[in-house]
Protein backbone atom coordinates (compact mmCIF):
# COMPACT_ATOMS: atom_id res chain seq x y z
CA UNK A 1 30.28 -6.84 3.12
CA UNK A 2 26.91 -8.56 3.40
CA UNK A 3 23.39 -7.31 2.85
CA UNK A 4 22.79 -6.95 6.59
CA UNK A 5 25.69 -4.50 6.83
CA UNK A 6 23.66 -2.27 4.52
CA UNK A 7 20.15 -3.11 5.77
CA UNK A 8 20.19 -4.07 9.43
CA UNK A 9 16.42 -4.28 9.94
CA UNK A 10 13.09 -3.24 8.46
CA UNK A 11 13.56 0.11 10.24
CA UNK A 12 16.18 0.96 7.61
CA UNK A 13 13.58 0.74 4.83
CA UNK A 14 10.57 2.74 3.70
CA UNK A 15 7.23 1.43 5.01
CA UNK A 16 5.75 -1.77 3.60
CA UNK A 17 8.62 -3.41 1.71
CA UNK A 18 7.97 -6.66 -0.17
CA UNK A 19 8.99 -9.22 2.44
CA UNK A 20 9.99 -12.16 0.27
CA UNK A 21 11.55 -10.67 -2.87
CA UNK A 22 14.44 -8.28 -3.38
CA UNK A 23 17.28 -8.15 -5.90
CA UNK A 24 20.97 -7.49 -6.22
CA UNK A 25 22.00 -6.09 -9.60
CA UNK A 26 25.64 -6.98 -10.07
CA UNK A 27 27.98 -5.52 -12.70
CA UNK A 28 30.30 -8.33 -13.77
CA UNK A 29 33.84 -7.79 -15.07
CA UNK A 30 35.45 -7.48 -17.48
CA UNK A 31 32.71 -5.80 -19.54
CA UNK A 32 30.45 -4.95 -16.56
CA UNK A 33 27.45 -6.80 -17.94
CA UNK A 34 24.62 -6.85 -15.38
CA UNK A 35 23.19 -9.93 -13.71
CA UNK A 36 20.33 -10.09 -11.22
CA UNK A 37 20.29 -12.23 -8.10
CA UNK A 38 17.01 -12.42 -6.20
CA UNK A 39 16.74 -13.17 -2.50
CA UNK A 40 14.18 -13.41 0.31
CA UNK A 41 14.47 -10.22 2.34
CA UNK A 42 12.76 -11.65 5.44
CA UNK A 43 15.06 -14.68 5.50
CA UNK A 44 18.16 -12.53 5.02
CA UNK A 45 17.24 -10.20 7.90
CA UNK A 46 16.24 -13.11 10.16
CA UNK A 47 19.51 -14.98 9.58
CA UNK A 48 22.36 -12.52 8.83
CA UNK A 49 24.86 -15.38 8.38
CA UNK A 50 22.94 -16.51 5.29
CA UNK A 51 22.40 -13.00 3.90
CA UNK A 52 23.75 -12.39 0.38
CA UNK A 53 27.30 -11.08 0.12
CA UNK A 54 27.73 -7.76 -1.68
CA UNK A 55 30.46 -6.81 -4.11
CA UNK A 56 31.68 -3.41 -5.31
CA UNK A 57 29.23 -1.74 -7.74
CA UNK A 58 26.27 -3.89 -6.58
CA UNK A 59 22.85 -2.25 -6.46
CA UNK A 60 20.28 -3.59 -3.98
CA UNK A 61 16.64 -3.22 -5.01
CA UNK A 62 13.94 -3.53 -2.37
CA UNK A 63 10.43 -3.39 -3.77
CA UNK A 64 7.17 -2.24 -2.25
CA UNK A 65 4.76 -4.99 -1.27
CA UNK A 66 2.31 -3.24 -3.60
CA UNK A 67 4.51 -4.10 -6.56
CA UNK A 68 3.22 -7.66 -5.99
CA UNK A 69 -0.30 -7.18 -4.59
CA UNK A 70 -3.06 -4.59 -4.97
CA UNK A 71 -2.79 -1.54 -2.73
CA UNK A 72 -5.69 -0.93 -0.35
CA UNK A 73 -8.23 1.57 -1.61
CA UNK A 74 -10.72 3.79 0.13
CA UNK A 75 -13.77 5.58 -1.21
CA UNK A 76 -14.52 9.00 0.18
CA UNK A 77 -17.72 10.89 -0.47
CA UNK A 78 -19.84 13.64 0.98
CA UNK A 79 -18.49 17.07 1.81
CA UNK A 80 -14.90 16.06 1.28
CA UNK A 81 -14.20 17.52 -2.12
CA UNK A 82 -15.66 14.52 -4.04
CA UNK A 83 -12.48 12.49 -3.86
CA UNK A 84 -14.05 9.18 -4.90
CA UNK A 85 -11.80 6.09 -4.93
CA UNK A 86 -8.13 6.46 -4.13
CA UNK A 87 -5.21 4.36 -2.93
CA UNK A 88 -4.73 4.54 0.83
CA UNK A 89 -1.18 5.53 1.78
CA UNK A 90 -0.28 4.69 5.35
CA UNK A 91 3.01 6.60 5.16
CA UNK A 92 1.46 9.93 4.17
CA UNK A 93 2.03 12.85 6.56
CA UNK A 94 -0.87 13.52 8.91
CA UNK A 95 -3.78 15.16 7.13
CA UNK A 96 -2.41 14.19 3.73
CA UNK A 97 -3.37 10.49 3.57
CA UNK A 98 -6.11 11.26 1.06
CA UNK A 99 -4.14 13.44 -1.33
CA UNK A 100 -4.28 16.42 1.00
CA UNK A 101 -8.03 16.97 0.47
CA UNK A 102 -9.89 18.88 3.14
CA UNK A 103 -13.55 18.97 4.09
CA UNK A 104 -15.72 21.55 2.41
CA UNK A 105 -17.18 24.56 4.20
CA UNK A 106 -20.60 22.81 4.39
CA UNK A 107 -19.26 19.66 6.12
CA UNK A 108 -20.53 18.70 9.54
CA UNK A 109 -17.56 17.98 11.77
CA UNK A 110 -19.71 16.51 14.58
CA UNK A 111 -19.65 12.96 13.21
CA UNK A 112 -18.49 10.73 10.39
CA UNK A 113 -19.27 7.19 9.26
CA UNK A 114 -16.68 4.58 8.41
CA UNK A 115 -17.62 1.39 6.60
CA UNK A 116 -15.04 -1.34 6.23
CA UNK A 117 -15.65 -4.00 3.62
CA UNK A 118 -13.63 -6.99 2.61
CA UNK A 119 -13.26 -7.99 -1.03
CA UNK A 120 -15.35 -10.98 -2.03
CA UNK A 121 -13.53 -14.20 -2.93
CA UNK A 122 -13.37 -14.90 -6.63
């Protein structure tokens, strides 16, 4: 069995996996001591013939891309329950992307302003 028998495409994974790093945790006989083999997920899915081979008792770990880079953040103010800064989750169910907060009773629903900024280079 190879990795691509288990994971055929990115559709088999949760949103936003880390594209270039994943692991196989292997339990090695006779004492079942663990070892870790890392692999490039994108390369394995692009070329199934070169995908890692799996053995019984292997565990495949696919990480979120945000385990390796900062997650995008948004700041929300006004009549929105004073949420402040929070991590933006693209996979959240509709209406729940900002921790399920709702507008207050005094909010004007006629318009809103969105400002997009890019972090400055350091």
